[in-house]
């Protein structure tokens, strides 16, 4: 049985392939565009960790293929290295070294010499984590605490502001994780990344439809005071439910000014259960630090008036199909999926465990807080209330 020949990718096709990958196209979509299996695309992209390889360029000082052909013709004509060098306008030592490293005077071939030179030119730079064991251990330790590379890079910069030897960019961390041929960070650390991916991908955008029913006496987010909108003062929260199978839920609350997180175990999604849990959670804080709550259009807060009467906390509702209006909470829910992956039963987790997860999140530095932690910011707010 004859085997079908599968040709490789030309330089132009590789350029187009990486362009498509950077735009976020899937492996299957790219494969269809080139008439190839998705596995062919994967085996080209994966060794680079999803990072586009830098375009290689020859040094302007290096011998060109045309110059090497002049050397080859000179060898055939039995000319000396000095006379060949004069033809090229090069130093005789340059021509002599070129012939010696590529078979000598009698066996020199221009094409083979050019290929060997191109191969020898690969001198991969040793990355910062590979040359600094102390820095590598610090990065690995924070990754095991589920910190993101951005958080680690920001924390290092804040901790060692004048010492660049103890700083590293988040891109270097990602490359050291995704490009395993570097042999710097162990592959097991990939499991601590929020996305759980093994190589760099563009972020997908998922539209969020609104299938919820009508809630009476809604106060629109558009009526929310300006002080809430600009995050100038603490005490204004965003909330939502994180859902799992078997009717399991966790109430998530995020303070807009400090990004401080609180989690509450709820036995179900019915409004009585959710509102009761939120009332209990609200009473744990000083009234100066809980002034308003912004929720989406979920029917779990149909009884929002009971929450307001019990806590004196105003409730505002987002516009339909506008999850971005609760941006801090949406981002936090994404972070929480690192601890509570989709498809896992949330009812098995105790309130003590939820408090532990919230504490870990609150002790992770945030770029939006200039890499301070939510816990630090929130503690300062608590101290200011007396």
Protein backbone atom coordinates (compact mmCIF):
# COMPACT_ATOMS: atom_id res chain seq x y z
CA UNK A 1 0.00 0.00 0.00
CA UNK A 2 1.47 3.30 -1.11
CA UNK A 3 1.99 5.98 1.52
CA UNK A 4 0.88 9.51 0.73
CA UNK A 5 3.71 12.05 0.83
CA UNK A 6 3.16 14.91 3.28
CA UNK A 7 5.19 17.99 2.49
CA UNK A 8 6.34 20.40 5.18
CA UNK A 9 5.63 24.11 5.53
CA UNK A 10 7.35 26.75 3.43
CA UNK A 11 8.70 29.87 5.11
CA UNK A 12 5.70 31.89 3.90
CA UNK A 13 3.28 29.27 5.22
CA UNK A 14 4.98 29.26 8.62
CA UNK A 15 4.61 33.03 8.79
CA UNK A 16 0.90 32.78 7.98
CA UNK A 17 0.49 29.91 10.46
CA UNK A 18 1.94 31.95 13.32
CA UNK A 19 -0.17 34.95 12.31
CA UNK A 20 -3.31 32.80 12.56
CA UNK A 21 -2.17 31.32 15.89
CA UNK A 22 -1.59 34.79 17.34
CA UNK A 23 -5.12 35.82 16.26
CA UNK A 24 -6.45 32.97 18.42
CA UNK A 25 -7.51 30.52 15.69
CA UNK A 26 -7.81 26.91 16.82
CA UNK A 27 -5.49 24.11 15.71
CA UNK A 28 -8.30 22.59 13.64
CA UNK A 29 -9.09 25.90 11.91
CA UNK A 30 -5.44 26.46 11.02
CA UNK A 31 -5.15 22.86 9.82
CA UNK A 32 -8.17 23.30 7.53
CA UNK A 33 -6.62 26.46 6.04
CA UNK A 34 -3.50 24.50 5.05
CA UNK A 35 -5.23 21.21 4.24
CA UNK A 36 -3.45 19.43 7.08
CA UNK A 37 -4.35 17.59 10.26
CA UNK A 38 -4.51 19.62 13.47
CA UNK A 39 -1.75 17.38 14.85
CA UNK A 40 0.62 18.74 12.19
CA UNK A 41 -0.03 22.25 13.46
CA UNK A 42 0.37 21.14 17.08
CA UNK A 43 3.77 19.51 16.48
CA UNK A 44 5.02 22.72 14.89
CA UNK A 45 3.66 25.07 17.59
CA UNK A 46 4.13 23.00 20.77
CA UNK A 47 7.97 22.85 20.83
CA UNK A 48 7.98 26.66 21.02
CA UNK A 49 5.40 26.71 23.83
CA UNK A 50 2.98 28.67 21.63
CA UNK A 51 5.44 31.58 21.37
CA UNK A 52 6.29 32.76 17.90
CA UNK A 53 10.00 32.05 17.30
CA UNK A 54 12.13 35.07 16.58
CA UNK A 55 13.06 35.54 12.94
CA UNK A 56 16.67 34.57 12.34
CA UNK A 57 18.98 37.04 10.60
CA UNK A 58 22.57 36.74 9.49
CA UNK A 59 25.14 39.14 10.82
CA UNK A 60 26.15 41.78 8.28
CA UNK A 61 29.76 40.76 8.97
CA UNK A 62 29.23 37.08 8.15
CA UNK A 63 30.24 35.57 4.82
CA UNK A 64 27.36 35.26 2.37
CA UNK A 65 26.60 32.25 0.17
CA UNK A 66 27.81 34.23 -2.85
CA UNK A 67 31.15 34.87 -1.14
CA UNK A 68 31.48 31.22 -0.23
CA UNK A 69 30.90 30.30 -3.89
CA UNK A 70 33.77 32.64 -4.84
CA UNK A 71 35.94 30.78 -2.32
CA UNK A 72 34.85 27.42 -3.78
CA UNK A 73 35.69 28.54 -7.34
CA UNK A 74 39.03 29.86 -6.13
CA UNK A 75 39.82 26.49 -4.54
CA UNK A 76 38.94 24.71 -7.81
CA UNK A 77 41.27 27.10 -9.67
CA UNK A 78 44.06 26.37 -7.10
CA UNK A 79 44.25 29.99 -5.97
CA UNK A 80 45.75 30.87 -2.60
CA UNK A 81 43.70 32.03 0.37
CA UNK A 82 45.36 35.44 0.14
CA UNK A 83 44.38 35.96 -3.52
CA UNK A 84 40.80 34.78 -2.85
CA UNK A 85 40.60 37.20 0.07
CA UNK A 86 41.73 40.02 -2.21
CA UNK A 87 38.90 39.21 -4.63
CA UNK A 88 36.37 39.37 -1.78
CA UNK A 89 37.84 42.39 -0.03
CA UNK A 90 38.23 40.27 3.10
CA UNK A 91 41.09 39.51 5.44
CA UNK A 92 43.20 36.45 4.40
CA UNK A 93 42.69 35.02 7.91
CA UNK A 94 38.90 35.14 7.37
CA UNK A 95 39.15 33.02 4.24
CA UNK A 96 41.69 30.68 5.81
CA UNK A 97 39.51 30.03 8.89
CA UNK A 98 36.47 29.51 6.66
CA UNK A 99 38.22 26.77 4.68
CA UNK A 100 39.74 25.09 7.75
CA UNK A 101 36.43 24.77 9.59
CA UNK A 102 34.67 23.34 6.52
CA UNK A 103 36.82 20.43 5.33
CA UNK A 104 40.05 22.19 4.42
CA UNK A 105 41.39 23.42 1.10
CA UNK A 106 40.75 20.21 -0.82
CA UNK A 107 37.22 19.44 0.40
CA UNK A 108 35.60 22.87 0.72
CA UNK A 109 32.04 23.14 -0.70
CA UNK A 110 30.15 26.46 -0.62
CA UNK A 111 26.60 25.16 -0.02
CA UNK A 112 27.62 22.78 2.78
CA UNK A 113 29.78 25.47 4.40
CA UNK A 114 26.89 27.92 4.34
CA UNK A 115 24.53 25.39 5.95
CA UNK A 116 27.07 24.59 8.65
CA UNK A 117 27.59 28.28 9.40
CA UNK A 118 23.82 28.80 9.74
CA UNK A 119 23.62 25.87 12.17
CA UNK A 120 26.62 27.06 14.21
CA UNK A 121 25.07 30.51 14.53
CA UNK A 122 22.47 29.13 16.96
CA UNK A 123 23.64 30.35 20.33
CA UNK A 124 20.55 30.30 22.58
CA UNK A 125 20.90 32.83 25.36
CA UNK A 126 20.72 31.35 28.85
CA UNK A 127 17.57 32.76 30.44
CA UNK A 128 17.69 34.61 33.75
CA UNK A 129 15.98 31.85 35.73
CA UNK A 130 18.52 29.29 34.51
CA UNK A 131 21.47 31.38 35.71
CA UNK A 132 19.98 32.35 39.09
CA UNK A 133 19.03 29.38 41.34
CA UNK A 134 17.82 31.71 44.11
CA UNK A 135 15.45 33.56 41.79
CA UNK A 136 14.28 30.28 40.25
CA UNK A 137 13.41 28.88 43.69
CA UNK A 138 11.48 32.04 44.58
CA UNK A 139 9.45 31.88 41.36
CA UNK A 140 8.73 28.15 41.74
CA UNK A 141 7.63 28.68 45.35
CA UNK A 142 5.11 31.35 44.41
CA UNK A 143 3.80 29.27 41.49
CA UNK A 144 3.08 26.46 43.97
CA UNK A 145 0.98 29.00 45.91
CA UNK A 146 -1.06 29.51 42.69
CA UNK A 147 0.32 32.99 42.02
CA UNK A 148 0.21 34.03 38.38
CA UNK A 149 3.46 34.97 36.56
CA UNK A 150 2.24 38.61 36.44
CA UNK A 151 1.74 38.62 40.20
CA UNK A 152 5.16 37.06 40.80
CA UNK A 153 6.91 39.57 38.52
CA UNK A 154 5.12 42.50 40.16
CA UNK A 155 5.86 41.21 43.67
CA UNK A 156 9.56 40.78 42.88
CA UNK A 157 9.76 44.30 41.47
CA UNK A 158 8.06 45.71 44.52
CA UNK A 159 10.17 43.64 46.96
CA UNK A 160 13.51 44.35 45.22
CA UNK A 161 12.98 47.77 43.54
CA UNK A 162 16.70 48.52 43.13
CA UNK A 163 17.95 44.98 42.46
CA UNK A 164 17.35 43.85 38.88
CA UNK A 165 19.15 40.57 39.60
CA UNK A 166 16.16 39.56 41.75
CA UNK A 167 13.55 40.65 39.21
CA UNK A 168 12.18 38.73 36.24
CA UNK A 169 9.47 39.49 33.70
CA UNK A 170 6.26 37.46 33.53
CA UNK A 171 7.08 36.60 29.90
CA UNK A 172 10.30 34.89 31.02
CA UNK A 173 8.32 32.86 33.55
CA UNK A 174 5.74 31.83 30.94
CA UNK A 175 8.46 30.86 28.45
CA UNK A 176 10.30 28.83 31.08
CA UNK A 177 7.08 26.96 31.83
CA UNK A 178 5.84 26.44 28.28
CA UNK A 179 9.19 25.76 26.57
CA UNK A 180 10.27 22.69 28.50
CA UNK A 181 13.46 22.32 26.46
CA UNK A 182 14.84 25.17 28.55
CA UNK A 183 14.86 22.78 31.50
CA UNK A 184 14.37 25.61 34.02
CA UNK A 185 10.95 25.18 35.69
CA UNK A 186 9.44 21.75 36.22
CA UNK A 187 6.49 20.74 34.06
CA UNK A 188 4.41 19.97 37.15
CA UNK A 189 4.22 23.71 37.87
CA UNK A 190 1.97 24.13 34.81
CA UNK A 191 -0.87 22.67 36.88
CA UNK A 192 -0.75 25.77 39.12
CA UNK A 193 -1.57 28.13 36.24
CA UNK A 194 -5.14 29.31 36.16
CA UNK A 195 -5.70 28.26 32.54
CA UNK A 196 -3.98 24.82 32.89
CA UNK A 197 -2.68 25.27 29.34
CA UNK A 198 0.62 23.80 28.21
CA UNK A 199 1.39 26.55 25.70
CA UNK A 200 0.59 30.20 25.00
CA UNK A 201 -2.84 30.92 23.51
CA UNK A 202 -4.76 34.11 22.78
CA UNK A 203 -7.64 34.71 25.18
CA UNK A 204 -11.03 33.61 23.80
CA UNK A 205 -14.02 35.89 24.19
CA UNK A 206 -17.21 34.15 25.28
CA UNK A 207 -20.48 36.09 24.92
CA UNK A 208 -22.67 35.86 28.00
CA UNK A 209 -26.36 35.59 27.19
CA UNK A 210 -29.09 36.72 29.58
CA UNK A 211 -31.77 34.08 30.22
CA UNK A 212 -33.00 35.34 33.58
CA UNK A 213 -36.50 36.30 34.57
CA UNK A 214 -37.86 39.63 35.75
CA UNK A 215 -37.05 40.88 39.26
CA UNK A 216 -39.38 43.38 40.93
CA UNK A 217 -38.26 46.79 42.21
CA UNK A 218 -34.87 46.62 40.56
CA UNK A 219 -32.56 49.59 41.15
CA UNK A 220 -30.41 49.92 38.03
CA UNK A 221 -26.65 50.20 38.16
CA UNK A 222 -27.15 53.49 36.32
CA UNK A 223 -28.55 54.94 39.54
CA UNK A 224 -25.48 53.96 41.50
CA UNK A 225 -23.65 56.97 43.06
CA UNK A 226 -20.52 58.27 41.38
CA UNK A 227 -18.45 57.41 44.47
CA UNK A 228 -19.19 53.73 43.81
CA UNK A 229 -18.34 53.98 40.13
CA UNK A 230 -14.87 55.53 40.55
CA UNK A 231 -13.80 53.16 43.36
CA UNK A 232 -12.71 56.17 45.39
CA UNK A 233 -13.94 54.86 48.75
CA UNK A 234 -14.18 51.34 50.20
CA UNK A 235 -17.38 49.57 51.15
CA UNK A 236 -18.96 48.86 47.77
CA UNK A 237 -19.16 45.21 46.74
CA UNK A 238 -19.89 43.13 43.65
CA UNK A 239 -21.46 39.68 43.97
CA UNK A 240 -22.40 36.57 42.04
CA UNK A 241 -22.85 32.82 42.38
CA UNK A 242 -20.23 30.32 41.30
CA UNK A 243 -22.10 27.20 40.16
CA UNK A 244 -21.31 23.49 40.05
CA UNK A 245 -23.21 20.25 39.37
CA UNK A 246 -25.80 18.75 41.74
CA UNK A 247 -27.27 22.17 42.53
CA UNK A 248 -24.08 23.31 44.30
CA UNK A 249 -23.13 26.98 44.62
CA UNK A 250 -20.73 29.41 46.27
CA UNK A 251 -21.58 33.08 46.80
CA UNK A 252 -18.63 35.27 45.77
CA UNK A 253 -18.22 38.86 46.98
CA UNK A 254 -15.51 41.32 45.91
CA UNK A 255 -14.91 44.78 47.34
CA UNK A 256 -14.40 47.25 44.48
CA UNK A 257 -11.82 49.54 46.11
CA UNK A 258 -9.46 46.86 47.51
CA UNK A 259 -10.48 43.74 45.47
CA UNK A 260 -10.90 41.94 48.80
CA UNK A 261 -12.72 38.60 48.39
CA UNK A 262 -15.25 36.87 50.64
CA UNK A 263 -16.82 33.45 49.92
CA UNK A 264 -20.00 32.03 51.42
CA UNK A 265 -21.26 28.46 51.23
CA UNK A 266 -24.90 28.31 50.08
CA UNK A 267 -27.10 25.21 50.12
CA UNK A 268 -29.03 26.14 46.96
CA UNK A 269 -29.84 28.83 44.44
CA UNK A 270 -33.31 29.76 45.71
CA UNK A 271 -33.59 33.38 46.76
CA UNK A 272 -34.37 32.64 50.41
CA UNK A 273 -31.20 30.56 50.86
CA UNK A 274 -28.94 33.00 49.00
CA UNK A 275 -30.26 36.15 50.69
CA UNK A 276 -29.99 34.55 54.14
CA UNK A 277 -26.35 33.62 53.45
CA UNK A 278 -25.59 37.15 52.21
CA UNK A 279 -27.18 38.71 55.31
CA UNK A 280 -25.05 36.48 57.54
CA UNK A 281 -21.91 37.42 55.60
CA UNK A 282 -22.68 41.15 55.69
CA UNK A 283 -22.96 41.17 59.49
CA UNK A 284 -19.32 40.06 59.77
CA UNK A 285 -18.11 43.49 58.58
CA UNK A 286 -18.35 47.03 60.02
CA UNK A 287 -21.15 48.98 58.36
CA UNK A 288 -18.58 51.49 57.07
CA UNK A 289 -17.10 48.72 54.93
CA UNK A 290 -20.34 47.39 53.44
CA UNK A 291 -22.47 50.15 51.90
CA UNK A 292 -23.70 48.71 48.61
CA UNK A 293 -23.88 45.48 46.61
CA UNK A 294 -23.97 45.19 42.81
CA UNK A 295 -25.41 41.93 41.42
CA UNK A 296 -26.33 40.63 37.99
CA UNK A 297 -29.90 39.80 36.90
CA UNK A 298 -29.90 36.38 38.59
CA UNK A 299 -33.23 35.39 40.16
CA UNK A 300 -31.36 34.28 43.29
CA UNK A 301 -31.64 37.91 44.45
CA UNK A 302 -35.37 38.29 43.79
CA UNK A 303 -35.81 38.92 47.53
CA UNK A 304 -33.25 41.75 47.52
CA UNK A 305 -35.58 43.97 49.54
CA UNK A 306 -35.26 41.62 52.54
CA UNK A 307 -31.47 41.87 52.27
CA UNK A 308 -31.61 45.68 52.26
CA UNK A 309 -34.05 45.84 55.20
CA UNK A 310 -31.88 43.50 57.28
CA UNK A 311 -28.52 45.11 56.49
CA UNK A 312 -29.24 48.71 55.37
CA UNK A 313 -27.15 47.90 52.28
CA UNK A 314 -28.33 49.20 48.90
CA UNK A 315 -28.52 46.67 46.05
CA UNK A 316 -27.95 47.61 42.40
CA UNK A 317 -28.51 45.37 39.39
CA UNK A 318 -26.47 45.28 36.18
CA UNK A 319 -27.98 45.76 32.75
CA UNK A 320 -28.96 42.56 30.87
CA UNK A 321 -26.06 40.81 29.13
CA UNK A 322 -23.52 43.13 30.76
CA UNK A 323 -21.22 41.03 32.99
CA UNK A 324 -18.45 43.59 32.43
CA UNK A 325 -20.36 45.96 34.74
CA UNK A 326 -19.20 43.67 37.56
CA UNK A 327 -15.66 43.42 36.23
CA UNK A 328 -13.91 42.79 39.54
CA UNK A 329 -16.30 39.97 40.42
CA UNK A 330 -16.09 38.40 36.96
CA UNK A 331 -12.30 38.41 37.14
CA UNK A 332 -12.36 36.90 40.63
CA UNK A 333 -14.73 34.14 39.53
CA UNK A 334 -12.22 33.28 36.85
CA UNK A 335 -9.46 33.09 39.46
CA UNK A 336 -11.65 30.89 41.65
CA UNK A 337 -12.00 28.32 38.87
CA UNK A 338 -8.37 27.51 39.61
CA UNK A 339 -9.57 26.13 42.95
CA UNK A 340 -13.06 25.03 41.87
CA UNK A 341 -12.83 23.78 38.25
CA UNK A 342 -15.99 23.64 36.16
CA UNK A 343 -17.83 20.36 36.55
CA UNK A 344 -16.78 19.78 40.17
CA UNK A 345 -19.33 19.47 42.99
CA UNK A 346 -19.02 22.61 45.15
CA UNK A 347 -21.13 21.21 48.00
CA UNK A 348 -18.23 19.08 49.26
CA UNK A 349 -16.29 22.16 50.39
CA UNK A 350 -16.72 23.43 53.94
CA UNK A 351 -16.94 27.10 54.88
CA UNK A 352 -13.51 26.71 56.52
CA UNK A 353 -12.04 25.64 53.17
CA UNK A 354 -13.76 28.55 51.39
CA UNK A 355 -12.22 30.92 53.94
CA UNK A 356 -8.80 29.38 53.23
CA UNK A 357 -9.19 29.91 49.47
CA UNK A 358 -10.36 33.50 50.00
CA UNK A 359 -7.34 34.14 52.23
CA UNK A 360 -4.99 32.82 49.53
CA UNK A 361 -6.55 35.10 46.93
CA UNK A 362 -6.40 38.08 49.27
CA UNK A 363 -2.71 37.47 49.90
CA UNK A 364 -1.82 37.41 46.20
CA UNK A 365 -0.53 40.74 44.80
CA UNK A 366 -2.61 42.46 42.13
CA UNK A 367 -1.32 44.53 39.25
CA UNK A 368 -4.27 46.91 39.56
CA UNK A 369 -3.19 47.59 43.18
CA UNK A 370 0.42 48.31 42.14
CA UNK A 371 1.15 44.75 43.28
CA UNK A 372 -0.03 45.27 46.82
CA UNK A 373 -2.34 42.55 48.13
CA UNK A 374 -6.09 43.00 48.72
CA UNK A 375 -5.48 41.96 52.34
CA UNK A 376 -3.04 44.84 52.85
CA UNK A 377 -5.43 47.38 51.33
CA UNK A 378 -8.44 46.04 53.23
CA UNK A 379 -6.58 45.99 56.56
CA UNK A 380 -5.71 49.64 56.06
CA UNK A 381 -9.40 50.40 55.48
CA UNK A 382 -10.39 48.49 58.63
CA UNK A 383 -7.80 50.40 60.66
CA UNK A 384 -9.10 53.73 59.36
CA UNK A 385 -12.63 52.95 60.62
CA UNK A 386 -11.26 52.86 64.16
